[in-house]
PDB file of all heavy atoms in Angstrom:
ATOM      1  N   SER A   1      12.098-145.826  30.472  1.00  0.00           N
ATOM      2  CA  SER A   1      12.192-144.746  31.462  1.00  0.00           C
ATOM      3  C   SER A   1      10.840-144.065  31.633  1.00  0.00           C
ATOM      4  O   SER A   1      10.070-143.951  30.677  1.00  0.00           O
ATOM      5  CB  SER A   1      13.215-143.692  31.021  1.00  0.00           C
ATOM      6  OG  SER A   1      14.504-144.251  30.900  1.00  0.00           O
ATOM      7  N   VAL A   2      10.594-143.623  32.871  1.00  0.00           N
ATOM      8  CA  VAL A   2       9.421-142.813  33.183  1.00  0.00           C
ATOM      9  C   VAL A   2       9.910-141.524  33.842  1.00  0.00           C
ATOM     10  O   VAL A   2      10.685-141.575  34.799  1.00  0.00           O
ATOM     11  CB  VAL A   2       8.447-143.553  34.124  1.00  0.00           C
ATOM     12  CG1 VAL A   2       7.282-142.644  34.512  1.00  0.00           C
ATOM     13  CG2 VAL A   2       7.925-144.829  33.473  1.00  0.00           C
ATOM     14  N   TYR A   3       9.455-140.391  33.324  1.00  0.00           N
ATOM     15  CA  TYR A   3       9.759-139.094  33.920  1.00  0.00           C
ATOM     16  C   TYR A   3       8.459-138.540  34.502  1.00  0.00           C
ATOM     17  O   TYR A   3       7.479-138.335  33.779  1.00  0.00           O
ATOM     18  CB  TYR A   3      10.333-138.124  32.882  1.00  0.00           C
ATOM     19  CG  TYR A   3      11.716-138.518  32.398  1.00  0.00           C
ATOM     20  CD1 TYR A   3      11.876-139.420  31.357  1.00  0.00           C
ATOM     21  CD2 TYR A   3      12.857-137.993  33.003  1.00  0.00           C
ATOM     22  CE1 TYR A   3      13.139-139.800  30.924  1.00  0.00           C
ATOM     23  CE2 TYR A   3      14.136-138.352  32.568  1.00  0.00           C
ATOM     24  CZ  TYR A   3      14.261-139.262  31.531  1.00  0.00           C
ATOM     25  OH  TYR A   3      15.524-139.634  31.112  1.00  0.00           O
ATOM     26  N   SER A   4       8.459-138.321  35.827  1.00  0.00           N
ATOM     27  CA  SER A   4       7.249-137.892  36.529  1.00  0.00           C
ATOM     28  C   SER A   4       7.405-136.438  36.969  1.00  0.00           C
ATOM     29  O   SER A   4       8.306-136.117  37.744  1.00  0.00           O
ATOM     30  CB  SER A   4       7.005-138.777  37.751  1.00  0.00           C
ATOM     31  OG  SER A   4       6.911-140.134  37.372  1.00  0.00           O
ATOM     32  N   PHE A   5       6.518-135.578  36.485  1.00  0.00           N
ATOM     33  CA  PHE A   5       6.570-134.147  36.798  1.00  0.00           C
ATOM     34  C   PHE A   5       5.449-133.811  37.779  1.00  0.00           C
ATOM     35  O   PHE A   5       4.265-133.983  37.462  1.00  0.00           O
ATOM     36  CB  PHE A   5       6.408-133.319  35.527  1.00  0.00           C
ATOM     37  CG  PHE A   5       7.458-133.582  34.490  1.00  0.00           C
ATOM     38  CD1 PHE A   5       7.296-134.588  33.541  1.00  0.00           C
ATOM     39  CD2 PHE A   5       8.631-132.832  34.457  1.00  0.00           C
ATOM     40  CE1 PHE A   5       8.262-134.841  32.588  1.00  0.00           C
ATOM     41  CE2 PHE A   5       9.609-133.076  33.505  1.00  0.00           C
ATOM     42  CZ  PHE A   5       9.428-134.086  32.567  1.00  0.00           C
ATOM     43  N   GLU A   6       5.817-133.341  38.962  1.00  0.00           N
ATOM     44  CA  GLU A   6       4.824-132.981  39.978  1.00  0.00           C
ATOM     45  C   GLU A   6       5.364-131.820  40.814  1.00  0.00           C
ATOM     46  O   GLU A   6       6.323-131.976  41.552  1.00  0.00           O
ATOM     47  CB  GLU A   6       4.512-134.170  40.883  1.00  0.00           C
ATOM     48  CG  GLU A   6       3.543-133.873  42.012  1.00  0.00           C
ATOM     49  CD  GLU A   6       2.283-133.184  41.527  1.00  0.00           C
ATOM     50  OE1 GLU A   6       1.597-133.753  40.651  1.00  0.00           O
ATOM     51  OE2 GLU A   6       1.998-132.059  42.010  1.00  0.00           O
ATOM     52  N   PRO A   7       4.753-130.613  40.703  1.00  0.00           N
ATOM     53  CA  PRO A   7       5.295-129.444  41.405  1.00  0.00           C
ATOM     54  C   PRO A   7       4.889-129.311  42.869  1.00  0.00           C
ATOM     55  O   PRO A   7       5.602-128.691  43.658  1.00  0.00           O
ATOM     56  CB  PRO A   7       4.737-128.276  40.587  1.00  0.00           C
ATOM     57  CG  PRO A   7       3.457-128.805  40.014  1.00  0.00           C
ATOM     58  CD  PRO A   7       3.690-130.270  39.762  1.00  0.00           C
ATOM     59  N   SER A   8       3.730-129.866  43.258  1.00  0.00           N
ATOM     60  CA  SER A   8       3.248-129.701  44.628  1.00  0.00           C
ATOM     61  C   SER A   8       4.080-130.532  45.601  1.00  0.00           C
ATOM     62  O   SER A   8       4.297-131.717  45.382  1.00  0.00           O
ATOM     63  CB  SER A   8       1.776-130.128  44.719  1.00  0.00           C
ATOM     64  OG  SER A   8       1.397-130.365  46.051  1.00  0.00           O
ATOM     65  N   GLN A   9       4.512-129.929  46.711  1.00  0.00           N
ATOM     66  CA  GLN A   9       5.336-130.648  47.683  1.00  0.00           C
ATOM     67  C   GLN A   9       4.583-131.810  48.298  1.00  0.00           C
ATOM     68  O   GLN A   9       5.140-132.893  48.496  1.00  0.00           O
ATOM     69  CB  GLN A   9       5.794-129.693  48.793  1.00  0.00           C
ATOM     70  CG  GLN A   9       6.804-130.293  49.756  1.00  0.00           C
ATOM     71  CD  GLN A   9       8.122-130.624  49.072  1.00  0.00           C
ATOM     72  OE1 GLN A   9       8.792-129.741  48.521  1.00  0.00           O
ATOM     73  NE2 GLN A   9       8.517-131.883  49.081  1.00  0.00           N
ATOM     74  N   ARG A  10       3.294-131.615  48.609  1.00  0.00           N
ATOM     75  CA  ARG A  10       2.494-132.689  49.211  1.00  0.00           C
ATOM     76  C   ARG A  10       2.416-133.894  48.280  1.00  0.00           C
ATOM     77  O   ARG A  10       2.706-135.024  48.688  1.00  0.00           O
ATOM     78  CB  ARG A  10       1.086-132.169  49.516  1.00  0.00           C
ATOM     79  CG  ARG A  10       0.129-133.217  50.079  1.00  0.00           C
ATOM     80  CD  ARG A  10      -1.269-132.629  50.258  1.00  0.00           C
ATOM     81  NE  ARG A  10      -1.829-132.145  49.003  1.00  0.00           N
ATOM     82  CZ  ARG A  10      -2.898-131.352  48.903  1.00  0.00           C
ATOM     83  NH1 ARG A  10      -3.500-130.943  50.007  1.00  0.00           N
ATOM     84  NH2 ARG A  10      -3.354-130.963  47.739  1.00  0.00           N
ATOM     85  N   GLU A  11       2.018-133.654  47.027  1.00  0.00           N
ATOM     86  CA  GLU A  11       1.893-134.758  46.078  1.00  0.00           C
ATOM     87  C   GLU A  11       3.258-135.336  45.708  1.00  0.00           C
ATOM     88  O   GLU A  11       3.390-136.549  45.483  1.00  0.00           O
ATOM     89  CB  GLU A  11       1.154-134.292  44.820  1.00  0.00           C
ATOM     90  CG  GLU A  11      -0.355-134.312  44.932  1.00  0.00           C
ATOM     91  CD  GLU A  11      -0.902-133.259  45.886  1.00  0.00           C
ATOM     92  OE1 GLU A  11      -0.324-132.155  45.952  1.00  0.00           O
ATOM     93  OE2 GLU A  11      -1.889-133.541  46.578  1.00  0.00           O
ATOM     94  N   PHE A  12       4.274-134.493  45.644  1.00  0.00           N
ATOM     95  CA  PHE A  12       5.618-134.979  45.295  1.00  0.00           C
ATOM     96  C   PHE A  12       6.131-135.949  46.361  1.00  0.00           C
ATOM     97  O   PHE A  12       6.716-136.988  46.040  1.00  0.00           O
ATOM     98  CB  PHE A  12       6.579-133.804  45.134  1.00  0.00           C
ATOM     99  CG  PHE A  12       7.931-134.188  44.603  1.00  0.00           C
ATOM    100  CD1 PHE A  12       8.098-134.525  43.266  1.00  0.00           C
ATOM    101  CD2 PHE A  12       9.043-134.226  45.436  1.00  0.00           C
ATOM    102  CE1 PHE A  12       9.350-134.883  42.766  1.00  0.00           C
ATOM    103  CE2 PHE A  12      10.284-134.580  44.952  1.00  0.00           C
ATOM    104  CZ  PHE A  12      10.446-134.902  43.608  1.00  0.00           C
ATOM    105  N   ASN A  13       5.895-135.617  47.641  1.00  0.00           N
ATOM    106  CA  ASN A  13       6.300-136.523  48.722  1.00  0.00           C
ATOM    107  C   ASN A  13       5.580-137.860  48.611  1.00  0.00           C
ATOM    108  O   ASN A  13       6.175-138.925  48.838  1.00  0.00           O
ATOM    109  CB  ASN A  13       6.015-135.888  50.080  1.00  0.00           C
ATOM    110  CG  ASN A  13       6.937-134.723  50.397  1.00  0.00           C
ATOM    111  OD1 ASN A  13       8.004-134.585  49.789  1.00  0.00           O
ATOM    112  ND2 ASN A  13       6.539-133.878  51.323  1.00  0.00           N
ATOM    113  N   ARG A  14       4.305-137.824  48.277  1.00  0.00           N
ATOM    114  CA  ARG A  14       3.543-139.068  48.128  1.00  0.00           C
ATOM    115  C   ARG A  14       4.027-139.868  46.920  1.00  0.00           C
ATOM    116  O   ARG A  14       4.052-141.102  46.959  1.00  0.00           O
ATOM    117  CB  ARG A  14       2.053-138.742  48.014  1.00  0.00           C
ATOM    118  CG  ARG A  14       1.489-138.128  49.289  1.00  0.00           C
ATOM    119  CD  ARG A  14       0.015-137.751  49.162  1.00  0.00           C
ATOM    120  NE  ARG A  14      -0.476-137.162  50.411  1.00  0.00           N
ATOM    121  CZ  ARG A  14      -1.717-136.763  50.628  1.00  0.00           C
ATOM    122  NH1 ARG A  14      -2.617-136.889  49.658  1.00  0.00           N
ATOM    123  NH2 ARG A  14      -2.080-136.243  51.785  1.00  0.00           N
ATOM    124  N   LEU A  15       4.376-139.162  45.868  1.00  0.00           N
ATOM    125  CA  LEU A  15       4.947-139.821  44.691  1.00  0.00           C
ATOM    126  C   LEU A  15       6.230-140.557  45.066  1.00  0.00           C
ATOM    127  O   LEU A  15       6.419-141.731  44.705  1.00  0.00           O
ATOM    128  CB  LEU A  15       5.228-138.777  43.606  1.00  0.00           C
ATOM    129  CG  LEU A  15       6.047-139.223  42.400  1.00  0.00           C
ATOM    130  CD1 LEU A  15       5.302-140.279  41.598  1.00  0.00           C
ATOM    131  CD2 LEU A  15       6.386-138.013  41.518  1.00  0.00           C
ATOM    132  N   LEU A  16       7.112-139.891  45.803  1.00  0.00           N
ATOM    133  CA  LEU A  16       8.361-140.525  46.222  1.00  0.00           C
ATOM    134  C   LEU A  16       8.106-141.735  47.114  1.00  0.00           C
ATOM    135  O   LEU A  16       8.780-142.764  47.004  1.00  0.00           O
ATOM    136  CB  LEU A  16       9.246-139.513  46.948  1.00  0.00           C
ATOM    137  CG  LEU A  16       9.785-138.331  46.126  1.00  0.00           C
ATOM    138  CD1 LEU A  16      10.633-137.420  47.006  1.00  0.00           C
ATOM    139  CD2 LEU A  16      10.592-138.814  44.928  1.00  0.00           C
ATOM    140  N   ASP A  17       7.117-141.614  48.017  1.00  0.00           N
ATOM    141  CA  ASP A  17       6.775-142.737  48.903  1.00  0.00           C
ATOM    142  C   ASP A  17       6.311-143.947  48.092  1.00  0.00           C
ATOM    143  O   ASP A  17       6.671-145.092  48.400  1.00  0.00           O
ATOM    144  CB  ASP A  17       5.675-142.328  49.884  1.00  0.00           C
ATOM    145  CG  ASP A  17       6.192-141.428  50.995  1.00  0.00           C
ATOM    146  OD1 ASP A  17       7.418-141.335  51.163  1.00  0.00           O
ATOM    147  OD2 ASP A  17       5.349-140.818  51.694  1.00  0.00           O
ATOM    148  N   ASN A  18       5.518-143.708  47.052  1.00  0.00           N
ATOM    149  CA  ASN A  18       5.012-144.816  46.249  1.00  0.00           C
ATOM    150  C   ASN A  18       6.101-145.445  45.386  1.00  0.00           C
ATOM    151  O   ASN A  18       6.098-146.653  45.153  1.00  0.00           O
ATOM    152  CB  ASN A  18       3.843-144.340  45.380  1.00  0.00           C
ATOM    153  CG  ASN A  18       2.569-144.182  46.181  1.00  0.00           C
ATOM    154  OD1 ASN A  18       2.261-145.003  47.039  1.00  0.00           O
ATOM    155  ND2 ASN A  18       1.825-143.115  45.926  1.00  0.00           N
ATOM    156  N   ILE A  19       7.028-144.628  44.936  1.00  0.00           N
ATOM    157  CA  ILE A  19       8.171-145.177  44.197  1.00  0.00           C
ATOM    158  C   ILE A  19       9.005-146.064  45.112  1.00  0.00           C
ATOM    159  O   ILE A  19       9.401-147.172  44.743  1.00  0.00           O
ATOM    160  CB  ILE A  19       9.025-144.034  43.601  1.00  0.00           C
ATOM    161  CG1 ILE A  19       8.239-143.278  42.521  1.00  0.00           C
ATOM    162  CG2 ILE A  19      10.329-144.583  43.016  1.00  0.00           C
ATOM    163  CD1 ILE A  19       8.929-142.023  42.019  1.00  0.00           C
ATOM    164  N   ALA A  20       9.260-145.570  46.346  1.00  0.00           N
ATOM    165  CA  ALA A  20      10.054-146.349  47.304  1.00  0.00           C
ATOM    166  C   ALA A  20       9.309-147.608  47.734  1.00  0.00           C
ATOM    167  O   ALA A  20       9.925-148.665  47.917  1.00  0.00           O
ATOM    168  CB  ALA A  20      10.377-145.479  48.520  1.00  0.00           C
ATOM    169  N   LEU A  21       7.996-147.517  47.917  1.00  0.00           N
ATOM    170  CA  LEU A  21       7.195-148.678  48.327  1.00  0.00           C
ATOM    171  C   LEU A  21       7.364-149.833  47.354  1.00  0.00           C
ATOM    172  O   LEU A  21       7.431-150.999  47.759  1.00  0.00           O
ATOM    173  CB  LEU A  21       5.719-148.277  48.416  1.00  0.00           C
ATOM    174  CG  LEU A  21       4.702-149.395  48.689  1.00  0.00           C
ATOM    175  CD1 LEU A  21       4.936-150.000  50.077  1.00  0.00           C
ATOM    176  CD2 LEU A  21       3.278-148.866  48.578  1.00  0.00           C
ATOM    177  N   ASN A  22       7.462-149.518  46.071  1.00  0.00           N
ATOM    178  CA  ASN A  22       7.572-150.555  45.050  1.00  0.00           C
ATOM    179  C   ASN A  22       9.009-150.821  44.603  1.00  0.00           C
ATOM    180  O   ASN A  22       9.229-151.634  43.709  1.00  0.00           O
ATOM    181  CB  ASN A  22       6.721-150.168  43.835  1.00  0.00           C
ATOM    182  CG  ASN A  22       5.244-150.165  44.150  1.00  0.00           C
ATOM    183  OD1 ASN A  22       4.604-151.207  44.163  1.00  0.00           O
ATOM    184  ND2 ASN A  22       4.680-148.989  44.425  1.00  0.00           N
ATOM    185  N   GLN A  23       9.956-150.101  45.233  1.00  0.00           N
ATOM    186  CA  GLN A  23      11.383-150.281  44.921  1.00  0.00           C
ATOM    187  C   GLN A  23      11.630-150.169  43.418  1.00  0.00           C
ATOM    188  O   GLN A  23      12.291-151.014  42.800  1.00  0.00           O
ATOM    189  CB  GLN A  23      11.887-151.616  45.464  1.00  0.00           C
ATOM    190  CG  GLN A  23      11.761-151.739  46.974  1.00  0.00           C
ATOM    191  CD  GLN A  23      12.277-153.053  47.512  1.00  0.00           C
ATOM    192  OE1 GLN A  23      12.351-154.061  46.813  1.00  0.00           O
ATOM    193  NE2 GLN A  23      12.640-153.061  48.784  1.00  0.00           N
ATOM    194  N   ILE A  24      11.097-149.092  42.840  1.00  0.00           N
ATOM    195  CA  ILE A  24      11.200-148.864  41.397  1.00  0.00           C
ATOM    196  C   ILE A  24      12.427-148.013  41.098  1.00  0.00           C
ATOM    197  O   ILE A  24      12.683-147.004  41.767  1.00  0.00           O
ATOM    198  CB  ILE A  24       9.919-148.178  40.880  1.00  0.00           C
ATOM    199  CG1 ILE A  24       8.738-149.142  40.987  1.00  0.00           C
ATOM    200  CG2 ILE A  24      10.093-147.707  39.446  1.00  0.00           C
ATOM    201  CD1 ILE A  24       7.412-148.517  40.649  1.00  0.00           C
ATOM    202  N   SER A  25      13.170-148.399  40.079  1.00  0.00           N
ATOM    203  CA  SER A  25      14.398-147.670  39.724  1.00  0.00           C
ATOM    204  C   SER A  25      14.317-146.975  38.372  1.00  0.00           C
ATOM    205  O   SER A  25      15.241-146.229  38.013  1.00  0.00           O
ATOM    206  CB  SER A  25      15.590-148.634  39.721  1.00  0.00           C
ATOM    207  OG  SER A  25      15.382-149.687  38.786  1.00  0.00           O
ATOM    208  N   ASN A  26      13.235-147.191  37.608  1.00  0.00           N
ATOM    209  CA  ASN A  26      13.185-146.588  36.266  1.00  0.00           C
ATOM    210  C   ASN A  26      12.287-145.349  36.205  1.00  0.00           C
ATOM    211  O   ASN A  26      11.908-144.912  35.124  1.00  0.00           O
ATOM    212  CB  ASN A  26      12.725-147.615  35.222  1.00  0.00           C
ATOM    213  CG  ASN A  26      11.324-148.145  35.482  1.00  0.00           C
ATOM    214  OD1 ASN A  26      10.729-147.859  36.505  1.00  0.00           O
ATOM    215  ND2 ASN A  26      10.816-148.940  34.551  1.00  0.00           N
ATOM    216  N   ILE A  27      11.924-144.789  37.387  1.00  0.00           N
ATOM    217  CA  ILE A  27      11.161-143.542  37.426  1.00  0.00           C
ATOM    218  C   ILE A  27      12.066-142.421  37.932  1.00  0.00           C
ATOM    219  O   ILE A  27      12.698-142.549  38.979  1.00  0.00           O
ATOM    220  CB  ILE A  27       9.933-143.649  38.357  1.00  0.00           C
ATOM    221  CG1 ILE A  27       8.928-144.676  37.827  1.00  0.00           C
ATOM    222  CG2 ILE A  27       9.245-142.290  38.486  1.00  0.00           C
ATOM    223  CD1 ILE A  27       7.702-144.848  38.704  1.00  0.00           C
ATOM    224  N   LYS A  28      12.105-141.333  37.185  1.00  0.00           N
ATOM    225  CA  LYS A  28      12.823-140.133  37.635  1.00  0.00           C
ATOM    226  C   LYS A  28      11.783-139.080  37.999  1.00  0.00           C
ATOM    227  O   LYS A  28      11.038-138.606  37.128  1.00  0.00           O
ATOM    228  CB  LYS A  28      13.756-139.602  36.544  1.00  0.00           C
ATOM    229  CG  LYS A  28      14.588-138.405  36.997  1.00  0.00           C
ATOM    230  CD  LYS A  28      15.580-137.983  35.946  1.00  0.00           C
ATOM    231  CE  LYS A  28      16.406-136.774  36.399  1.00  0.00           C
ATOM    232  NZ  LYS A  28      17.210-137.040  37.602  1.00  0.00           N
ATOM    233  N   ALA A  29      11.691-138.737  39.285  1.00  0.00           N
ATOM    234  CA  ALA A  29      10.697-137.768  39.751  1.00  0.00           C
ATOM    235  C   ALA A  29      11.298-136.368  39.710  1.00  0.00           C
ATOM    236  O   ALA A  29      12.405-136.131  40.209  1.00  0.00           O
ATOM    237  CB  ALA A  29      10.257-138.113  41.168  1.00  0.00           C
ATOM    238  N   LEU A  30      10.558-135.426  39.122  1.00  0.00           N
ATOM    239  CA  LEU A  30      11.024-134.050  38.962  1.00  0.00           C
ATOM    240  C   LEU A  30       9.998-133.104  39.587  1.00  0.00           C
ATOM    241  O   LEU A  30       8.834-133.078  39.158  1.00  0.00           O
ATOM    242  CB  LEU A  30      11.212-133.712  37.484  1.00  0.00           C
ATOM    243  CG  LEU A  30      12.225-134.599  36.742  1.00  0.00           C
ATOM    244  CD1 LEU A  30      12.012-134.542  35.257  1.00  0.00           C
ATOM    245  CD2 LEU A  30      13.638-134.161  37.104  1.00  0.00           C
ATOM    246  N   LYS A  31      10.426-132.330  40.572  1.00  0.00           N
ATOM    247  CA  LYS A  31       9.521-131.413  41.264  1.00  0.00           C
ATOM    248  C   LYS A  31       9.465-130.079  40.516  1.00  0.00           C
ATOM    249  O   LYS A  31      10.105-129.091  40.892  1.00  0.00           O
ATOM    250  CB  LYS A  31       9.971-131.205  42.709  1.00  0.00           C
ATOM    251  CG  LYS A  31       8.951-130.426  43.536  1.00  0.00           C
ATOM    252  CD  LYS A  31       9.423-130.224  44.962  1.00  0.00           C
ATOM    253  CE  LYS A  31       8.415-129.414  45.751  1.00  0.00           C
ATOM    254  NZ  LYS A  31       8.152-128.084  45.142  1.00  0.00           N
ATOM    255  N   LEU A  32       8.695-130.060  39.461  1.00  0.00           N
ATOM    256  CA  LEU A  32       8.520-128.851  38.666  1.00  0.00           C
ATOM    257  C   LEU A  32       7.301-128.993  37.776  1.00  0.00           C
ATOM    258  O   LEU A  32       6.745-130.075  37.621  1.00  0.00           O
ATOM    259  CB  LEU A  32       9.767-128.550  37.841  1.00  0.00           C
ATOM    260  CG  LEU A  32      10.332-129.645  36.928  1.00  0.00           C
ATOM    261  CD1 LEU A  32       9.645-129.653  35.569  1.00  0.00           C
ATOM    262  CD2 LEU A  32      11.832-129.436  36.730  1.00  0.00           C
ATOM    263  N   ALA A  33       6.899-127.861  37.183  1.00  0.00           N
ATOM    264  CA  ALA A  33       5.765-127.842  36.261  1.00  0.00           C
ATOM    265  C   ALA A  33       6.264-127.553  34.857  1.00  0.00           C
ATOM    266  O   ALA A  33       7.315-126.912  34.665  1.00  0.00           O
ATOM    267  CB  ALA A  33       4.760-126.785  36.692  1.00  0.00           C
ATOM    268  N   LEU A  34       5.530-128.013  33.862  1.00  0.00           N
ATOM    269  CA  LEU A  34       5.861-127.730  32.469  1.00  0.00           C
ATOM    270  C   LEU A  34       4.991-126.592  31.954  1.00  0.00           C
ATOM    271  O   LEU A  34       3.793-126.530  32.233  1.00  0.00           O
ATOM    272  CB  LEU A  34       5.655-128.966  31.599  1.00  0.00           C
ATOM    273  CG  LEU A  34       6.570-130.165  31.876  1.00  0.00           C
ATOM    274  CD1 LEU A  34       6.338-131.256  30.833  1.00  0.00           C
ATOM    275  CD2 LEU A  34       8.032-129.763  31.917  1.00  0.00           C
ATOM    276  N   SER A  35       5.615-125.685  31.182  1.00  0.00           N
ATOM    277  CA  SER A  35       4.884-124.575  30.597  1.00  0.00           C
ATOM    278  C   SER A  35       5.625-124.118  29.340  1.00  0.00           C
ATOM    279  O   SER A  35       6.458-124.862  28.795  1.00  0.00           O
ATOM    280  CB  SER A  35       4.751-123.432  31.608  1.00  0.00           C
ATOM    281  OG  SER A  35       3.857-122.446  31.134  1.00  0.00           O
ATOM    282  N   ASP A  36       5.350-122.885  28.894  1.00  0.00           N
ATOM    283  CA  ASP A  36       5.994-122.361  27.691  1.00  0.00           C
ATOM    284  C   ASP A  36       7.093-121.357  28.024  1.00  0.00           C
ATOM    285  O   ASP A  36       7.497-120.559  27.193  1.00  0.00           O
ATOM    286  CB  ASP A  36       4.956-121.724  26.772  1.00  0.00           C
ATOM    287  CG  ASP A  36       4.127-120.636  27.461  1.00  0.00           C
ATOM    288  OD1 ASP A  36       4.308-120.452  28.686  1.00  0.00           O
ATOM    289  OD2 ASP A  36       3.309-119.991  26.795  1.00  0.00           O
ATOM    290  N   PHE A  37       7.576-121.372  29.275  1.00  0.00           N
ATOM    291  CA  PHE A  37       8.684-120.507  29.674  1.00  0.00           C
ATOM    292  C   PHE A  37       9.468-121.177  30.791  1.00  0.00           C
ATOM    293  O   PHE A  37       8.990-122.106  31.445  1.00  0.00           O
ATOM    294  CB  PHE A  37       8.165-119.137  30.135  1.00  0.00           C
ATOM    295  CG  PHE A  37       7.418-119.177  31.447  1.00  0.00           C
ATOM    296  CD1 PHE A  37       8.053-118.859  32.648  1.00  0.00           C
ATOM    297  CD2 PHE A  37       6.071-119.534  31.481  1.00  0.00           C
ATOM    298  CE1 PHE A  37       7.364-118.900  33.854  1.00  0.00           C
ATOM    299  CE2 PHE A  37       5.381-119.575  32.686  1.00  0.00           C
ATOM    300  CZ  PHE A  37       6.026-119.258  33.873  1.00  0.00           C
ATOM    301  N   ASP A  38      10.686-120.723  31.003  1.00  0.00           N
ATOM    302  CA  ASP A  38      11.512-121.184  32.118  1.00  0.00           C
ATOM    303  C   ASP A  38      11.510-120.111  33.202  1.00  0.00           C
ATOM    304  O   ASP A  38      11.734-118.928  32.907  1.00  0.00           O
ATOM    305  CB  ASP A  38      12.957-121.435  31.661  1.00  0.00           C
ATOM    306  CG  ASP A  38      13.070-122.643  30.754  1.00  0.00           C
ATOM    307  OD1 ASP A  38      12.081-123.380  30.635  1.00  0.00           O
ATOM    308  OD2 ASP A  38      14.141-122.838  30.143  1.00  0.00           O
ATOM    309  N   GLY A  39      11.261-120.513  34.423  1.00  0.00           N
ATOM    310  CA  GLY A  39      11.235-119.536  35.497  1.00  0.00           C
ATOM    311  C   GLY A  39      10.526-120.068  36.713  1.00  0.00           C
ATOM    312  O   GLY A  39      10.675-121.238  37.077  1.00  0.00           O
ATOM    313  N   THR A  40       9.719-119.213  37.364  1.00  0.00           N
ATOM    314  CA  THR A  40       8.966-119.625  38.554  1.00  0.00           C
ATOM    315  C   THR A  40       7.513-119.199  38.393  1.00  0.00           C
ATOM    316  O   THR A  40       7.186-118.323  37.584  1.00  0.00           O
ATOM    317  CB  THR A  40       9.545-118.994  39.834  1.00  0.00           C
ATOM    318  OG1 THR A  40       9.496-117.565  39.717  1.00  0.00           O
ATOM    319  CG2 THR A  40      10.983-119.453  40.064  1.00  0.00           C
ATOM    320  N   ALA A  41       6.658-119.819  39.179  1.00  0.00           N
ATOM    321  CA  ALA A  41       5.238-119.491  39.172  1.00  0.00           C
ATOM    322  C   ALA A  41       4.674-119.791  40.550  1.00  0.00           C
ATOM    323  O   ALA A  41       5.361-120.369  41.405  1.00  0.00           O
ATOM    324  CB  ALA A  41       4.494-120.276  38.088  1.00  0.00           C
ATOM    325  N   THR A  42       3.424-119.403  40.777  1.00  0.00           N
ATOM    326  CA  THR A  42       2.764-119.653  42.050  1.00  0.00           C
ATOM    327  C   THR A  42       1.682-120.709  41.856  1.00  0.00           C
ATOM    328  O   THR A  42       0.780-120.535  41.028  1.00  0.00           O
ATOM    329  CB  THR A  42       2.134-118.365  42.612  1.00  0.00           C
ATOM    330  OG1 THR A  42       3.162-117.398  42.825  1.00  0.00           O
ATOM    331  CG2 THR A  42       1.435-118.653  43.929  1.00  0.00           C
ATOM    332  N   LEU A  43       1.807-121.791  42.605  1.00  0.00           N
ATOM    333  CA  LEU A  43       0.859-122.900  42.514  1.00  0.00           C
ATOM    334  C   LEU A  43      -0.159-122.795  43.645  1.00  0.00           C
ATOM    335  O   LEU A  43       0.206-122.659  44.807  1.00  0.00           O
ATOM    336  CB  LEU A  43       1.601-124.235  42.602  1.00  0.00           C
ATOM    337  CG  LEU A  43       0.732-125.504  42.487  1.00  0.00           C
ATOM    338  CD1 LEU A  43       0.262-125.685  41.056  1.00  0.00           C
ATOM    339  CD2 LEU A  43       1.509-126.727  42.958  1.00  0.00           C
ATOM    340  N   LYS A  44      -1.435-122.888  43.293  1.00  0.00           N
ATOM    341  CA  LYS A  44      -2.496-122.941  44.300  1.00  0.00           C
ATOM    342  C   LYS A  44      -2.729-124.400  44.670  1.00  0.00           C
ATOM    343  O   LYS A  44      -3.143-125.202  43.827  1.00  0.00           O
ATOM    344  CB  LYS A  44      -3.778-122.318  43.758  1.00  0.00           C
ATOM    345  CG  LYS A  44      -3.664-120.824  43.501  1.00  0.00           C
ATOM    346  CD  LYS A  44      -4.970-120.257  42.977  1.00  0.00           C
ATOM    347  CE  LYS A  44      -4.860-118.763  42.743  1.00  0.00           C
ATOM    348  NZ  LYS A  44      -6.123-118.198  42.189  1.00  0.00           N
ATOM    349  N   VAL A  45      -2.464-124.730  45.931  1.00  0.00           N
ATOM    350  CA  VAL A  45      -2.579-126.109  46.409  1.00  0.00           C
ATOM    351  C   VAL A  45      -3.992-126.330  46.937  1.00  0.00           C
ATOM    352  O   VAL A  45      -4.450-125.612  47.821  1.00  0.00           O
ATOM    353  CB  VAL A  45      -1.538-126.406  47.503  1.00  0.00           C
ATOM    354  CG1 VAL A  45      -1.667-127.848  47.989  1.00  0.00           C
ATOM    355  CG2 VAL A  45      -0.131-126.142  46.971  1.00  0.00           C
ATOM    356  N   ALA A  46      -4.682-127.324  46.389  1.00  0.00           N
ATOM    357  CA  ALA A  46      -6.071-127.590  46.762  1.00  0.00           C
ATOM    358  C   ALA A  46      -6.159-128.219  48.149  1.00  0.00           C
ATOM    359  O   ALA A  46      -5.201-128.831  48.643  1.00  0.00           O
ATOM    360  CB  ALA A  46      -6.719-128.501  45.730  1.00  0.00           C
ATOM    361  N   ASN A  47      -7.335-128.085  48.775  1.00  0.00           N
ATOM    362  CA  ASN A  47      -7.577-128.697  50.075  1.00  0.00           C
ATOM    363  C   ASN A  47      -7.453-130.216  49.980  1.00  0.00           C
ATOM    364  O   ASN A  47      -7.547-130.806  48.899  1.00  0.00           O
ATOM    365  CB  ASN A  47      -8.945-128.299  50.610  1.00  0.00           C
ATOM    366  CG  ASN A  47     -10.077-128.559  49.614  1.00  0.00           C
ATOM    367  OD1 ASN A  47     -10.002-128.179  48.457  1.00  0.00           O
ATOM    368  ND2 ASN A  47     -11.138-129.199  50.083  1.00  0.00           N
TER     369      ASN A  47
END
């Protein structure tokens, strides 16, 4: 199994596209960030 953590919507969409392109079934994509607390945060999205 592969667990992929990516919080940015832009990069997450591209991650999903690449998973679909290769018809991969053993990757679970999770749109979130890892830290030392549970909750929400503000992500600065680069140009």
